[in-house]
Amino acid sequence: MYSKSIRILIGVVFIVCVVRGAMAFQSTYAKSTINQSHTNPPNYPENENGKTYGSAEEATSAEMLPDLIHKGSVDGIAGYVLKKDYLEELGRDVPLYDVDGKTIIGSFHISGAKNMNFYPKNKNGQTYGSATDATSPETVPELISAIGVDGTKGYMLKKDYDGEQPKSLEEAIAIQNSRSPGGRDILLYDVDGETVIGVFHVGGK
């Protein structure tokens, strides 16, 4: 009788342990899935002045860039450029700072920051996002976020928004004269760039 009770008790403990283990696994898996489904911003360290610093390669958008971007070293000292210098016009020399963001240790030639594309891509390989995040006309995404006439949030194709591009002054005048004073409608797509979900109106009053 005593032996039977022990066996029952051991069986109950074993079942409880198995159930708890399964629940813990499900909880861990659920958290892992949630974390994988969202792109978290890079966890850049901060210097003594509260400025973040690190590599631009970890950022997926201009907003995620650190305040100080690593760009080589001088005499073994890591050098950083200011974010605002990194995103401004190309083809110029900017100060290279120590990690404190104040002490200038050299200079760095900005040559290709604006050519970097921070926008994510949809399943068809098209970049999408806000045109206000672009650092130059060349970096505007292929799908530009917009709000339709009925309040629907979607994306319009950059080529539709740009319209026909004139090759001469005469063509430019002809295109301008042919445009309706009331503006024009542009199709609004889902993020896939294929599914039409509304209309965006541009121009007119």
C-alpha atoms as a PDB file:
ATOM      1  CA  MET A   1       0.000   0.000   0.000  1.00  0.00           C
ATOM      2  CA  TYR A   2       2.792   2.366   0.997  1.00  0.00           C
ATOM      3  CA  SER A   3       4.772   1.428  -2.118  1.00  0.00           C
ATOM      4  CA  LYS A   4       1.735   2.066  -4.328  1.00  0.00           C
ATOM      5  CA  SER A   5       1.251   5.538  -2.820  1.00  0.00           C
ATOM      6  CA  ILE A   6       4.901   6.378  -3.481  1.00  0.00           C
ATOM      7  CA  ARG A   7       4.538   5.319  -7.113  1.00  0.00           C
ATOM      8  CA  ILE A   8       1.413   7.465  -7.535  1.00  0.00           C
ATOM      9  CA  LEU A   9       3.166  10.456  -5.932  1.00  0.00           C
ATOM     10  CA  ILE A  10       6.207  10.052  -8.200  1.00  0.00           C
ATOM     11  CA  GLY A  11       3.883   9.812 -11.221  1.00  0.00           C
ATOM     12  CA  VAL A  12       2.082  13.032 -10.258  1.00  0.00           C
ATOM     13  CA  VAL A  13       5.381  14.880  -9.730  1.00  0.00           C
ATOM     14  CA  PHE A  14       6.642  13.640 -13.093  1.00  0.00           C
ATOM     15  CA  ILE A  15       3.468  14.842 -14.894  1.00  0.00           C
ATOM     16  CA  VAL A  16       3.664  18.257 -13.202  1.00  0.00           C
ATOM     17  CA  CYS A  17       7.313  18.627 -14.238  1.00  0.00           C
ATOM     18  CA  VAL A  18       6.532  17.668 -17.839  1.00  0.00           C
ATOM     19  CA  VAL A  19       3.598  20.104 -18.028  1.00  0.00           C
ATOM     20  CA  ARG A  20       5.625  22.952 -16.508  1.00  0.00           C
ATOM     21  CA  GLY A  21       8.514  22.237 -18.862  1.00  0.00           C
ATOM     22  CA  ALA A  22       6.192  22.333 -21.866  1.00  0.00           C
ATOM     23  CA  MET A  23       4.641  25.605 -20.696  1.00  0.00           C
ATOM     24  CA  ALA A  24       8.074  27.159 -20.191  1.00  0.00           C
ATOM     25  CA  PHE A  25       9.131  26.056 -23.671  1.00  0.00           C
ATOM     26  CA  GLN A  26       5.964  27.505 -25.236  1.00  0.00           C
ATOM     27  CA  SER A  27       6.491  30.797 -23.387  1.00  0.00           C
ATOM     28  CA  THR A  28      10.120  31.028 -24.511  1.00  0.00           C
ATOM     29  CA  TYR A  29       9.187  30.124 -28.084  1.00  0.00           C
ATOM     30  CA  ALA A  30       6.399  32.710 -28.160  1.00  0.00           C
ATOM     31  CA  LYS A  31       8.753  35.447 -26.944  1.00  0.00           C
ATOM     32  CA  SER A  32      11.350  34.398 -29.491  1.00  0.00           C
ATOM     33  CA  THR A  33       8.789  34.505 -32.305  1.00  0.00           C
ATOM     34  CA  ILE A  34       7.582  37.967 -31.275  1.00  0.00           C
ATOM     35  CA  ASN A  35      11.127  39.291 -31.121  1.00  0.00           C
ATOM     36  CA  GLN A  36      11.943  37.854 -34.526  1.00  0.00           C
ATOM     37  CA  SER A  37       8.873  39.413 -36.121  1.00  0.00           C
ATOM     38  CA  HIS A  38       9.952  42.948 -35.310  1.00  0.00           C
ATOM     39  CA  THR A  39      13.118  44.750 -36.321  1.00  0.00           C
ATOM     40  CA  ASN A  40      14.633  46.154 -33.166  1.00  0.00           C
ATOM     41  CA  PRO A  41      16.836  49.237 -33.366  1.00  0.00           C
ATOM     42  CA  PRO A  42      20.549  48.642 -32.724  1.00  0.00           C
ATOM     43  CA  ASN A  43      21.523  48.918 -29.073  1.00  0.00           C
ATOM     44  CA  TYR A  44      24.315  51.482 -29.449  1.00  0.00           C
ATOM     45  CA  PRO A  45      26.392  52.403 -26.380  1.00  0.00           C
ATOM     46  CA  GLU A  46      26.477  55.999 -25.158  1.00  0.00           C
ATOM     47  CA  ASN A  47      29.516  58.148 -24.412  1.00  0.00           C
ATOM     48  CA  GLU A  48      29.930  60.348 -21.348  1.00  0.00           C
ATOM     49  CA  ASN A  49      27.941  63.100 -23.086  1.00  0.00           C
ATOM     50  CA  GLY A  50      24.942  60.878 -23.760  1.00  0.00           C
ATOM     51  CA  LYS A  51      25.701  60.500 -27.471  1.00  0.00           C
ATOM     52  CA  THR A  52      25.285  57.092 -29.101  1.00  0.00           C
ATOM     53  CA  TYR A  53      28.167  55.771 -31.166  1.00  0.00           C
ATOM     54  CA  GLY A  54      28.868  52.808 -33.405  1.00  0.00           C
ATOM     55  CA  SER A  55      28.824  51.485 -36.961  1.00  0.00           C
ATOM     56  CA  ALA A  56      26.320  52.608 -39.605  1.00  0.00           C
ATOM     57  CA  GLU A  57      26.118  49.022 -40.876  1.00  0.00           C
ATOM     58  CA  GLU A  58      23.890  48.018 -37.962  1.00  0.00           C
ATOM     59  CA  ALA A  59      21.243  50.646 -38.831  1.00  0.00           C
ATOM     60  CA  THR A  60      18.354  49.881 -41.199  1.00  0.00           C
ATOM     61  CA  SER A  61      17.105  53.461 -41.457  1.00  0.00           C
ATOM     62  CA  ALA A  62      18.485  56.975 -41.136  1.00  0.00           C
ATOM     63  CA  GLU A  63      16.666  57.371 -37.800  1.00  0.00           C
ATOM     64  CA  MET A  64      18.500  54.360 -36.368  1.00  0.00           C
ATOM     65  CA  LEU A  65      21.958  55.749 -37.093  1.00  0.00           C
ATOM     66  CA  PRO A  66      24.006  56.564 -33.975  1.00  0.00           C
ATOM     67  CA  ASP A  67      24.895  60.177 -33.164  1.00  0.00           C
ATOM     68  CA  LEU A  68      28.554  59.371 -33.841  1.00  0.00           C
ATOM     69  CA  ILE A  69      29.366  57.059 -36.755  1.00  0.00           C
ATOM     70  CA  HIS A  70      32.628  55.122 -36.720  1.00  0.00           C
ATOM     71  CA  LYS A  71      34.881  55.945 -39.688  1.00  0.00           C
ATOM     72  CA  GLY A  72      38.368  54.584 -39.100  1.00  0.00           C
ATOM     73  CA  SER A  73      41.038  55.559 -36.603  1.00  0.00           C
ATOM     74  CA  VAL A  74      43.956  57.945 -36.124  1.00  0.00           C
ATOM     75  CA  ASP A  75      47.072  56.708 -34.272  1.00  0.00           C
ATOM     76  CA  GLY A  76      45.041  53.841 -32.860  1.00  0.00           C
ATOM     77  CA  ILE A  77      42.227  56.095 -31.646  1.00  0.00           C
ATOM     78  CA  ALA A  78      38.789  55.267 -33.050  1.00  0.00           C
ATOM     79  CA  GLY A  79      37.370  58.147 -35.080  1.00  0.00           C
ATOM     80  CA  TYR A  80      33.736  59.154 -35.542  1.00  0.00           C
ATOM     81  CA  VAL A  81      31.828  61.598 -37.742  1.00  0.00           C
ATOM     82  CA  LEU A  82      28.677  63.386 -36.629  1.00  0.00           C
ATOM     83  CA  LYS A  83      25.426  61.980 -37.968  1.00  0.00           C
ATOM     84  CA  LYS A  84      24.462  65.333 -39.482  1.00  0.00           C
ATOM     85  CA  ASP A  85      27.796  65.517 -41.323  1.00  0.00           C
ATOM     86  CA  TYR A  86      27.394  61.933 -42.524  1.00  0.00           C
ATOM     87  CA  LEU A  87      23.987  62.628 -44.077  1.00  0.00           C
ATOM     88  CA  GLU A  88      24.721  66.001 -45.648  1.00  0.00           C
ATOM     89  CA  GLU A  89      26.133  66.775 -49.088  1.00  0.00           C
ATOM     90  CA  LEU A  90      28.785  64.520 -50.590  1.00  0.00           C
ATOM     91  CA  GLY A  91      32.286  65.346 -51.697  1.00  0.00           C
ATOM     92  CA  ARG A  92      33.627  67.265 -48.704  1.00  0.00           C
ATOM     93  CA  ASP A  93      35.857  66.824 -45.670  1.00  0.00           C
ATOM     94  CA  VAL A  94      34.287  66.733 -42.211  1.00  0.00           C
ATOM     95  CA  PRO A  95      35.873  66.596 -38.747  1.00  0.00           C
ATOM     96  CA  LEU A  96      36.747  63.190 -37.322  1.00  0.00           C
ATOM     97  CA  TYR A  97      36.088  63.126 -33.591  1.00  0.00           C
ATOM     98  CA  ASP A  98      37.169  61.053 -30.632  1.00  0.00           C
ATOM     99  CA  VAL A  99      34.357  58.992 -29.045  1.00  0.00           C
ATOM    100  CA  ASP A 100      33.463  62.019 -26.888  1.00  0.00           C
ATOM    101  CA  GLY A 101      32.147  63.777 -30.014  1.00  0.00           C
ATOM    102  CA  LYS A 102      34.076  66.946 -29.136  1.00  0.00           C
ATOM    103  CA  THR A 103      37.790  66.285 -29.577  1.00  0.00           C
ATOM    104  CA  ILE A 104      38.818  66.512 -33.247  1.00  0.00           C
ATOM    105  CA  ILE A 105      41.489  63.943 -34.097  1.00  0.00           C
ATOM    106  CA  GLY A 106      41.491  64.265 -37.884  1.00  0.00           C
ATOM    107  CA  SER A 107      39.197  64.599 -40.891  1.00  0.00           C
ATOM    108  CA  PHE A 108      37.139  62.283 -43.073  1.00  0.00           C
ATOM    109  CA  HIS A 109      36.031  62.689 -46.690  1.00  0.00           C
ATOM    110  CA  ILE A 110      32.269  62.147 -47.149  1.00  0.00           C
ATOM    111  CA  SER A 111      31.790  60.423 -50.479  1.00  0.00           C
ATOM    112  CA  GLY A 112      28.934  57.946 -50.413  1.00  0.00           C
ATOM    113  CA  ALA A 113      26.594  58.293 -47.438  1.00  0.00           C
ATOM    114  CA  LYS A 114      23.688  59.501 -49.529  1.00  0.00           C
ATOM    115  CA  ASN A 115      23.935  56.529 -51.843  1.00  0.00           C
ATOM    116  CA  MET A 116      23.181  54.178 -48.977  1.00  0.00           C
ATOM    117  CA  ASN A 117      19.649  52.812 -49.083  1.00  0.00           C
ATOM    118  CA  PHE A 118      18.181  52.377 -45.608  1.00  0.00           C
ATOM    119  CA  TYR A 119      14.687  51.475 -46.792  1.00  0.00           C
ATOM    120  CA  PRO A 120      13.308  47.968 -46.304  1.00  0.00           C
ATOM    121  CA  LYS A 121      12.210  45.930 -49.331  1.00  0.00           C
ATOM    122  CA  ASN A 122       8.961  44.116 -50.018  1.00  0.00           C
ATOM    123  CA  LYS A 123       8.681  40.574 -51.386  1.00  0.00           C
ATOM    124  CA  ASN A 124       9.205  41.923 -54.912  1.00  0.00           C
ATOM    125  CA  GLY A 125      12.437  43.667 -54.009  1.00  0.00           C
ATOM    126  CA  GLN A 126      10.954  47.190 -54.072  1.00  0.00           C
ATOM    127  CA  THR A 127      12.038  49.677 -51.432  1.00  0.00           C
ATOM    128  CA  TYR A 128       9.237  51.355 -49.484  1.00  0.00           C
ATOM    129  CA  GLY A 129       8.832  54.099 -46.899  1.00  0.00           C
ATOM    130  CA  SER A 130       8.486  57.848 -46.426  1.00  0.00           C
ATOM    131  CA  ALA A 131      10.047  60.215 -48.938  1.00  0.00           C
ATOM    132  CA  THR A 132      10.928  62.546 -46.057  1.00  0.00           C
ATOM    133  CA  ASP A 133      13.499  59.990 -44.869  1.00  0.00           C
ATOM    134  CA  ALA A 134      15.387  60.199 -48.166  1.00  0.00           C
ATOM    135  CA  THR A 135      18.658  62.107 -48.091  1.00  0.00           C
ATOM    136  CA  SER A 136      18.587  62.913 -51.825  1.00  0.00           C
ATOM    137  CA  PRO A 137      16.203  62.501 -54.807  1.00  0.00           C
ATOM    138  CA  GLU A 138      18.144  59.378 -55.777  1.00  0.00           C
ATOM    139  CA  THR A 139      17.380  57.636 -52.475  1.00  0.00           C
ATOM    140  CA  VAL A 140      13.586  58.155 -52.512  1.00  0.00           C
ATOM    141  CA  PRO A 141      11.999  54.670 -52.215  1.00  0.00           C
ATOM    142  CA  GLU A 142      10.243  52.978 -55.137  1.00  0.00           C
ATOM    143  CA  LEU A 143       7.037  52.872 -53.079  1.00  0.00           C
ATOM    144  CA  ILE A 144       6.332  56.169 -51.322  1.00  0.00           C
ATOM    145  CA  SER A 145       4.014  56.144 -48.308  1.00  0.00           C
ATOM    146  CA  ALA A 146       0.916  58.294 -48.790  1.00  0.00           C
ATOM    147  CA  ILE A 147      -2.636  58.737 -47.510  1.00  0.00           C
ATOM    148  CA  GLY A 148      -5.428  58.322 -50.050  1.00  0.00           C
ATOM    149  CA  VAL A 149      -8.387  60.623 -50.621  1.00  0.00           C
ATOM    150  CA  ASP A 150     -10.501  58.459 -48.301  1.00  0.00           C
ATOM    151  CA  GLY A 151      -7.870  58.261 -45.561  1.00  0.00           C
ATOM    152  CA  THR A 152      -6.456  54.906 -46.628  1.00  0.00           C
ATOM    153  CA  LYS A 153      -2.757  54.517 -45.845  1.00  0.00           C
ATOM    154  CA  GLY A 154      -0.737  52.958 -48.612  1.00  0.00           C
ATOM    155  CA  TYR A 155       2.048  53.502 -51.117  1.00  0.00           C
ATOM    156  CA  MET A 156       2.276  55.132 -54.533  1.00  0.00           C
ATOM    157  CA  LEU A 157       4.860  54.175 -57.113  1.00  0.00           C
ATOM    158  CA  LYS A 158       7.643  56.734 -57.396  1.00  0.00           C
ATOM    159  CA  LYS A 159       7.462  56.529 -61.188  1.00  0.00           C
ATOM    160  CA  ASP A 160       3.737  57.367 -61.046  1.00  0.00           C
ATOM    161  CA  TYR A 161       4.361  60.297 -58.725  1.00  0.00           C
ATOM    162  CA  ASP A 162       7.238  61.634 -60.828  1.00  0.00           C
ATOM    163  CA  GLY A 163       5.176  61.278 -63.985  1.00  0.00           C
ATOM    164  CA  GLU A 164       6.553  61.734 -67.464  1.00  0.00           C
ATOM    165  CA  GLN A 165      10.043  63.216 -67.427  1.00  0.00           C
ATOM    166  CA  PRO A 166      10.728  65.783 -70.181  1.00  0.00           C
ATOM    167  CA  LYS A 167      13.864  65.467 -72.303  1.00  0.00           C
ATOM    168  CA  SER A 168      13.874  69.093 -73.417  1.00  0.00           C
ATOM    169  CA  LEU A 169      12.506  72.506 -72.500  1.00  0.00           C
ATOM    170  CA  GLU A 170       9.846  72.184 -75.183  1.00  0.00           C
ATOM    171  CA  GLU A 171       8.657  68.851 -73.771  1.00  0.00           C
ATOM    172  CA  ALA A 172       8.561  70.311 -70.271  1.00  0.00           C
ATOM    173  CA  ILE A 173       6.338  73.182 -71.447  1.00  0.00           C
ATOM    174  CA  ALA A 174       4.084  70.791 -73.359  1.00  0.00           C
ATOM    175  CA  ILE A 175       3.671  68.504 -70.328  1.00  0.00           C
ATOM    176  CA  GLN A 176       2.949  71.455 -68.064  1.00  0.00           C
ATOM    177  CA  ASN A 177       0.296  72.804 -70.468  1.00  0.00           C
ATOM    178  CA  SER A 178      -1.369  69.410 -70.785  1.00  0.00           C
ATOM    179  CA  ARG A 179      -1.828  68.947 -67.044  1.00  0.00           C
ATOM    180  CA  SER A 180      -5.281  69.389 -65.584  1.00  0.00           C
ATOM    181  CA  PRO A 181      -5.632  72.425 -63.289  1.00  0.00           C
ATOM    182  CA  GLY A 182      -7.479  70.142 -60.887  1.00  0.00           C
ATOM    183  CA  GLY A 183      -4.468  67.875 -60.431  1.00  0.00           C
ATOM    184  CA  ARG A 184      -4.342  64.141 -61.040  1.00  0.00           C
ATOM    185  CA  ASP A 185      -5.031  60.865 -59.295  1.00  0.00           C
ATOM    186  CA  ILE A 186      -2.340  58.277 -58.565  1.00  0.00           C
ATOM    187  CA  LEU A 187      -3.076  54.670 -57.662  1.00  0.00           C
ATOM    188  CA  LEU A 188      -2.392  53.742 -54.047  1.00  0.00           C
ATOM    189  CA  TYR A 189      -0.986  50.254 -53.439  1.00  0.00           C
ATOM    190  CA  ASP A 190      -0.500  47.886 -50.556  1.00  0.00           C
ATOM    191  CA  VAL A 191       3.139  47.373 -49.504  1.00  0.00           C
ATOM    192  CA  ASP A 192       3.447  44.610 -52.123  1.00  0.00           C
ATOM    193  CA  GLY A 193       3.303  47.253 -54.870  1.00  0.00           C
ATOM    194  CA  GLU A 194       0.663  45.195 -56.706  1.00  0.00           C
ATOM    195  CA  THR A 195      -2.616  45.326 -54.790  1.00  0.00           C
ATOM    196  CA  VAL A 196      -4.522  48.569 -55.463  1.00  0.00           C
ATOM    197  CA  ILE A 197      -6.168  49.830 -52.263  1.00  0.00           C
ATOM    198  CA  GLY A 198      -7.045  53.427 -53.071  1.00  0.00           C
ATOM    199  CA  VAL A 199      -6.243  56.675 -54.845  1.00  0.00           C
ATOM    200  CA  PHE A 200      -3.915  59.535 -53.955  1.00  0.00           C
ATOM    201  CA  HIS A 201      -4.635  62.983 -55.396  1.00  0.00           C
ATOM    202  CA  VAL A 202      -1.793  65.329 -56.235  1.00  0.00           C
ATOM    203  CA  GLY A 203      -1.924  68.915 -57.464  1.00  0.00           C
ATOM    204  CA  GLY A 204      -4.923  71.190 -57.888  1.00  0.00           C
ATOM    205  CA  LYS A 205      -6.628  73.125 -55.129  1.00  0.00           C
END
